[in-house]
């Protein structure tokens, strides 16, 4: 009996649901979940997502990534303070920090914040990784996981070269593969979570990556495909990496990042987009709270909806 492509990939890779609509990923049984301000903003535009905060930890059995405000991407101290605050809030409602990962943009300042947080036992998920230099700096900082954005890398090359790429020559796939082989060859503990996929071909080419965070649409396609696939990434083949082990200080990090036009543009674009959607989301939530208080006052009572969280074992 043939098994689905999704189930084949699950033999080698941990599947992570990538959505602001957590109910849409339940049927795929993801072990983790990640999201960002853009996805959350889209979900909260629909009134049926009033359960949103509760559902994150109710339906996901392992970890949830919580993103730091993008406007703090260049402020190490503020990022650390905000991360500690998030952890304390989760602790107040009975959620251990082992179930939470702090999602931080992979700027130099963000990576330095993560280095300190990891020493405190706070797991960090470094997002918006578009270059090898970012990946190396994250590994040297000892972060828990990085999220290289394969699809956005492809977007940039498609737009700027006007080429159509086959899955095996996809620039995003090549980038993630290079990082994976480098990490495994030199024994870094940092895990790799490929993200932002544009098609199932990219995902199949990265079968074997530590984690893959996948949208509901692509999860559905993988679940309904029954062709046989092969494992593409493995620690056993990581010796193919020809890159010498290297490190970067702040100056060489910023210079090398600057020399990569794609990474520079996509990192800045990603931070701007997350910051914009984060602001819009906060204004929307603030207005909802104002409306609820106004309605309660009309009934001569102050109504505050209880914040309840069901924690899965």
Protein backbone atom coordinates (compact mmCIF):
# COMPACT_ATOMS: atom_id res chain seq x y z
CA UNK A 1 0.00 0.00 0.00
CA UNK A 2 1.41 3.36 -1.04
CA UNK A 3 1.65 6.05 1.58
CA UNK A 4 1.27 9.75 0.91
CA UNK A 5 4.19 12.01 0.14
CA UNK A 6 3.46 13.82 3.41
CA UNK A 7 3.74 10.61 5.42
CA UNK A 8 6.94 9.69 3.60
CA UNK A 9 8.49 13.05 4.50
CA UNK A 10 7.38 12.59 8.13
CA UNK A 11 9.68 9.56 8.32
CA UNK A 12 12.69 11.88 8.06
CA UNK A 13 11.44 15.36 8.95
CA UNK A 14 9.36 17.01 11.67
CA UNK A 15 6.40 18.75 10.04
CA UNK A 16 5.41 22.15 11.40
CA UNK A 17 2.10 23.85 10.61
CA UNK A 18 2.58 27.34 9.18
CA UNK A 19 -0.66 29.26 9.57
CA UNK A 20 -2.56 31.77 11.63
CA UNK A 21 -5.59 29.49 11.26
CA UNK A 22 -4.68 26.71 13.67
CA UNK A 23 -7.83 24.68 13.03
CA UNK A 24 -6.82 24.31 9.38
CA UNK A 25 -3.69 22.33 10.31
CA UNK A 26 -5.09 19.99 12.98
CA UNK A 27 -5.86 17.17 10.55
CA UNK A 28 -2.22 17.05 9.48
CA UNK A 29 -1.07 16.38 13.08
CA UNK A 30 1.82 18.88 13.16
CA UNK A 31 4.22 18.50 16.06
CA UNK A 32 4.94 22.24 16.24
CA UNK A 33 3.33 25.41 14.95
CA UNK A 34 4.76 28.70 13.80
CA UNK A 35 3.22 31.88 12.51
CA UNK A 36 3.99 35.55 11.96
CA UNK A 37 2.18 38.89 12.23
CA UNK A 38 1.03 38.70 8.60
CA UNK A 39 -0.62 35.29 9.02
CA UNK A 40 -2.16 36.20 12.38
CA UNK A 41 -3.52 39.46 10.94
CA UNK A 42 -5.17 37.57 8.10
CA UNK A 43 -6.74 35.08 10.51
CA UNK A 44 -8.08 37.65 12.96
CA UNK A 45 -9.99 39.47 10.22
CA UNK A 46 -12.50 36.64 10.51
CA UNK A 47 -14.68 36.63 13.63
CA UNK A 48 -14.58 32.83 13.86
CA UNK A 49 -10.99 33.15 15.13
CA UNK A 50 -11.88 34.69 18.50
CA UNK A 51 -10.51 31.48 19.99
CA UNK A 52 -7.12 32.18 18.40
CA UNK A 53 -4.89 32.68 21.45
CA UNK A 54 -6.28 29.64 23.24
CA UNK A 55 -6.05 27.34 20.23
CA UNK A 56 -2.34 27.77 19.74
CA UNK A 57 -1.38 25.71 22.77
CA UNK A 58 -4.56 23.65 22.81
CA UNK A 59 -3.99 21.98 19.45
CA UNK A 60 -0.21 21.84 19.21
CA UNK A 61 1.40 19.13 21.30
CA UNK A 62 4.95 20.42 21.26
CA UNK A 63 6.26 23.97 20.84
CA UNK A 64 4.85 27.27 19.65
CA UNK A 65 6.96 30.12 18.28
CA UNK A 66 6.09 33.62 19.49
CA UNK A 67 7.46 36.48 17.43
CA UNK A 68 9.23 39.53 18.83
CA UNK A 69 7.96 42.87 17.50
CA UNK A 70 9.83 43.47 14.23
CA UNK A 71 10.54 47.08 15.15
CA UNK A 72 12.97 45.73 17.78
CA UNK A 73 15.03 43.91 15.12
CA UNK A 74 18.01 46.24 15.59
CA UNK A 75 17.84 46.54 19.39
CA UNK A 76 19.54 43.72 21.29
CA UNK A 77 18.60 44.87 24.81
CA UNK A 78 14.94 45.54 23.98
CA UNK A 79 14.64 42.15 22.30
CA UNK A 80 15.97 40.42 25.42
CA UNK A 81 13.58 42.33 27.69
CA UNK A 82 10.58 41.54 25.47
CA UNK A 83 11.50 37.84 25.25
CA UNK A 84 11.81 37.53 29.02
CA UNK A 85 8.44 39.25 29.38
CA UNK A 86 6.80 36.75 27.02
CA UNK A 87 8.25 33.84 28.97
CA UNK A 88 6.94 35.30 32.24
CA UNK A 89 3.45 35.70 30.76
CA UNK A 90 3.40 32.07 29.64
CA UNK A 91 4.61 31.00 33.08
CA UNK A 92 1.70 32.85 34.70
CA UNK A 93 -0.80 30.71 32.78
CA UNK A 94 1.03 27.46 33.44
CA UNK A 95 3.00 27.02 30.24
CA UNK A 96 6.63 26.04 30.70
CA UNK A 97 9.27 27.84 28.67
CA UNK A 98 10.27 24.50 27.13
CA UNK A 99 7.07 24.75 25.05
CA UNK A 100 7.84 28.24 23.79
CA UNK A 101 10.31 29.47 21.21
CA UNK A 102 11.00 33.17 20.80
CA UNK A 103 11.02 34.11 17.13
CA UNK A 104 13.58 36.81 16.30
CA UNK A 105 14.67 38.39 13.00
CA UNK A 106 18.19 37.28 12.04
CA UNK A 107 19.88 40.68 12.15
CA UNK A 108 23.24 40.96 13.91
CA UNK A 109 21.48 42.53 16.90
CA UNK A 110 18.81 39.84 16.95
CA UNK A 111 21.39 37.06 16.86
CA UNK A 112 23.29 38.60 19.79
CA UNK A 113 20.05 38.78 21.78
CA UNK A 114 19.36 35.13 21.02
CA UNK A 115 22.85 34.18 22.18
CA UNK A 116 22.11 35.62 25.62
CA UNK A 117 18.58 34.22 25.80
CA UNK A 118 19.76 30.71 24.92
CA UNK A 119 22.20 30.85 27.84
CA UNK A 120 19.16 31.50 30.06
CA UNK A 121 17.39 28.44 28.71
CA UNK A 122 15.06 30.42 26.45
CA UNK A 123 14.78 28.75 23.05
CA UNK A 124 15.06 30.99 20.01
CA UNK A 125 13.77 30.52 16.47
CA UNK A 126 15.75 32.82 14.18
CA UNK A 127 13.54 33.90 11.31
CA UNK A 128 14.09 35.72 8.00
CA UNK A 129 17.27 33.78 7.18
CA UNK A 130 18.23 34.42 3.56
CA UNK A 131 21.98 33.95 3.54
CA UNK A 132 24.77 31.61 4.57
CA UNK A 133 26.36 34.30 6.73
CA UNK A 134 23.17 34.63 8.81
CA UNK A 135 23.01 30.86 9.22
CA UNK A 136 26.62 30.59 10.37
CA UNK A 137 26.25 33.45 12.87
CA UNK A 138 23.10 31.82 14.30
CA UNK A 139 24.85 28.47 14.71
CA UNK A 140 27.85 30.09 16.38
CA UNK A 141 25.43 31.82 18.78
CA UNK A 142 23.98 28.44 19.74
CA UNK A 143 20.37 29.18 18.81
CA UNK A 144 17.81 26.39 18.89
CA UNK A 145 16.53 26.68 15.34
CA UNK A 146 16.75 28.82 12.21
CA UNK A 147 14.12 29.40 9.54
CA UNK A 148 15.63 29.90 6.06
CA UNK A 149 12.95 31.24 3.72
CA UNK A 150 13.33 29.09 0.62
CA UNK A 151 10.27 30.46 -1.18
CA UNK A 152 11.15 34.12 -0.75
CA UNK A 153 14.64 33.41 -2.07
CA UNK A 154 13.03 31.85 -5.15
CA UNK A 155 10.75 34.88 -5.50
CA UNK A 156 13.73 37.23 -5.67
CA UNK A 157 15.62 35.21 -8.26
CA UNK A 158 12.52 34.66 -10.39
CA UNK A 159 11.80 38.39 -10.39
CA UNK A 160 15.37 39.49 -11.06
CA UNK A 161 16.50 36.83 -13.54
CA UNK A 162 13.17 36.16 -15.28
CA UNK A 163 14.02 32.46 -15.20
CA UNK A 164 11.88 29.47 -14.36
CA UNK A 165 13.63 27.08 -11.99
CA UNK A 166 13.15 23.34 -11.67
CA UNK A 167 12.91 22.12 -8.10
CA UNK A 168 16.44 20.71 -7.92
CA UNK A 169 17.94 24.01 -9.18
CA UNK A 170 15.69 26.25 -7.08
CA UNK A 171 17.93 28.90 -5.40
CA UNK A 172 15.99 28.55 -2.14
CA UNK A 173 16.44 24.77 -2.12
CA UNK A 174 20.15 25.15 -2.87
CA UNK A 175 20.53 27.66 -0.02
CA UNK A 176 18.82 25.45 2.58
CA UNK A 177 20.75 22.39 1.39
CA UNK A 178 24.06 24.24 1.74
CA UNK A 179 23.21 25.33 5.27
CA UNK A 180 22.03 21.84 6.25
CA UNK A 181 25.20 20.15 4.99
CA UNK A 182 27.42 22.76 6.67
CA UNK A 183 25.66 22.36 10.03
CA UNK A 184 25.80 18.58 9.96
CA UNK A 185 29.40 18.40 8.74
CA UNK A 186 30.67 20.60 11.56
CA UNK A 187 28.38 19.24 14.27
CA UNK A 188 26.28 22.29 15.13
CA UNK A 189 23.34 21.63 17.44
CA UNK A 190 21.15 24.27 15.78
CA UNK A 191 18.23 22.76 13.84
CA UNK A 192 17.09 23.95 10.42
CA UNK A 193 13.44 24.61 9.62
CA UNK A 194 12.89 25.28 5.93
CA UNK A 195 10.08 27.78 5.44
CA UNK A 196 8.01 29.89 3.07
CA UNK A 197 7.52 27.32 0.32
CA UNK A 198 5.98 28.15 -3.04
CA UNK A 199 5.36 24.60 -4.29
CA UNK A 200 5.57 20.96 -3.23
CA UNK A 201 8.65 20.42 -5.37
CA UNK A 202 10.70 22.58 -3.01
CA UNK A 203 9.47 20.55 -0.05
CA UNK A 204 10.24 17.22 -1.69
CA UNK A 205 13.78 18.40 -2.52
CA UNK A 206 14.32 19.16 1.18
CA UNK A 207 12.94 15.87 2.53
CA UNK A 208 15.18 14.99 5.45
CA UNK A 209 15.66 18.56 6.69
CA UNK A 210 15.26 18.76 10.48
CA UNK A 211 11.97 20.66 10.26
CA UNK A 212 9.79 21.94 7.43
CA UNK A 213 7.09 24.50 8.15
CA UNK A 214 4.33 24.12 5.59
CA UNK A 215 1.10 25.97 4.79
CA UNK A 216 -2.26 24.13 4.92
CA UNK A 217 -2.61 24.33 1.12
CA UNK A 218 0.70 22.58 0.48
CA UNK A 219 0.14 20.11 3.33
CA UNK A 220 -3.09 19.09 1.64
CA UNK A 221 -1.37 18.57 -1.71
CA UNK A 222 1.34 16.45 -0.12
CA UNK A 223 -1.25 14.38 1.73
CA UNK A 224 -3.11 13.67 -1.50
CA UNK A 225 -0.04 12.72 -3.54
CA UNK A 226 1.08 9.09 -3.51
CA UNK A 227 4.22 8.97 -5.64
CA UNK A 228 7.39 7.54 -4.14
CA UNK A 229 10.04 10.06 -3.08
CA UNK A 230 13.57 9.79 -1.74
CA UNK A 231 15.28 11.37 1.22
CA UNK A 232 17.35 14.27 -0.11
CA UNK A 233 19.08 15.57 3.03
CA UNK A 234 20.89 13.38 5.53
CA UNK A 235 23.75 13.73 8.02
CA UNK A 236 25.34 10.77 6.24
CA UNK A 237 25.82 12.80 3.05
CA UNK A 238 26.72 16.12 4.70
CA UNK A 239 30.41 15.50 4.01
CA UNK A 240 29.67 16.76 0.50
CA UNK A 241 29.86 20.27 1.90
CA UNK A 242 33.10 21.80 0.60
CA UNK A 243 32.82 24.98 2.65
CA UNK A 244 35.55 25.50 5.24
CA UNK A 245 34.42 26.25 8.78
CA UNK A 246 34.18 29.98 9.32
CA UNK A 247 33.06 32.60 11.83
CA UNK A 248 31.93 36.21 11.53
CA UNK A 249 32.28 39.21 13.80
CA UNK A 250 29.92 42.17 13.49
CA UNK A 251 31.93 43.91 10.76
CA UNK A 252 32.40 40.85 8.56
CA UNK A 253 28.80 39.75 9.12
CA UNK A 254 27.38 43.07 7.98
CA UNK A 255 29.79 43.34 5.06
CA UNK A 256 29.02 39.86 3.74
CA UNK A 257 25.30 40.40 4.18
CA UNK A 258 25.59 43.72 2.36
CA UNK A 259 27.33 41.99 -0.57
CA UNK A 260 24.34 39.65 -0.99
CA UNK A 261 21.72 41.79 -2.74
CA UNK A 262 18.99 39.18 -2.42
CA UNK A 263 19.50 38.62 1.31
CA UNK A 264 19.79 42.33 2.07
CA UNK A 265 16.60 43.17 0.19
CA UNK A 266 14.53 40.27 1.50
CA UNK A 267 15.62 40.74 5.12
CA UNK A 268 14.69 44.44 5.06
CA UNK A 269 11.46 43.71 3.22
CA UNK A 270 10.51 40.99 5.70
CA UNK A 271 11.13 43.21 8.72
CA UNK A 272 9.09 46.04 7.19
CA UNK A 273 6.20 43.73 6.35
CA UNK A 274 6.11 42.10 9.79
CA UNK A 275 6.32 45.52 11.47
CA UNK A 276 3.50 46.92 9.34
CA UNK A 277 1.19 43.95 9.88
CA UNK A 278 2.09 43.85 13.57
CA UNK A 279 0.98 47.47 13.97
CA UNK A 280 -2.24 46.82 12.07
CA UNK A 281 -2.94 43.75 14.20
CA UNK A 282 -2.45 45.66 17.46
CA UNK A 283 -4.79 48.43 16.32
CA UNK A 284 -7.41 45.85 15.35
CA UNK A 285 -7.19 44.05 18.70
CA UNK A 286 -7.30 47.37 20.56
CA UNK A 287 -10.46 48.36 18.70
CA UNK A 288 -12.08 45.01 19.50
CA UNK A 289 -11.37 45.52 23.20
CA UNK A 290 -12.80 49.05 23.08
CA UNK A 291 -15.94 47.73 21.37
CA UNK A 292 -16.41 44.96 23.96
CA UNK A 293 -16.03 47.39 26.86
CA UNK A 294 -18.51 49.78 25.22
CA UNK A 295 -21.06 47.00 24.76
CA UNK A 296 -20.61 45.90 28.36
CA UNK A 297 -21.07 49.43 29.65
CA UNK A 298 -24.33 49.72 27.73
CA UNK A 299 -25.57 46.86 29.88
CA UNK A 300 -24.37 48.65 33.02
CA UNK A 301 -21.72 46.05 33.70
CA UNK A 302 -18.06 45.61 32.96
CA UNK A 303 -17.44 42.38 31.10
CA UNK A 304 -13.96 40.94 30.68
CA UNK A 305 -13.67 37.70 28.74
CA UNK A 306 -11.63 35.19 30.74
CA UNK A 307 -8.31 34.12 29.30
CA UNK A 308 -8.21 30.34 29.54
CA UNK A 309 -5.64 28.00 28.07
CA UNK A 310 -5.80 24.24 27.76
CA UNK A 311 -2.35 22.73 27.88
CA UNK A 312 -1.76 19.47 25.99
CA UNK A 313 0.42 16.89 27.63
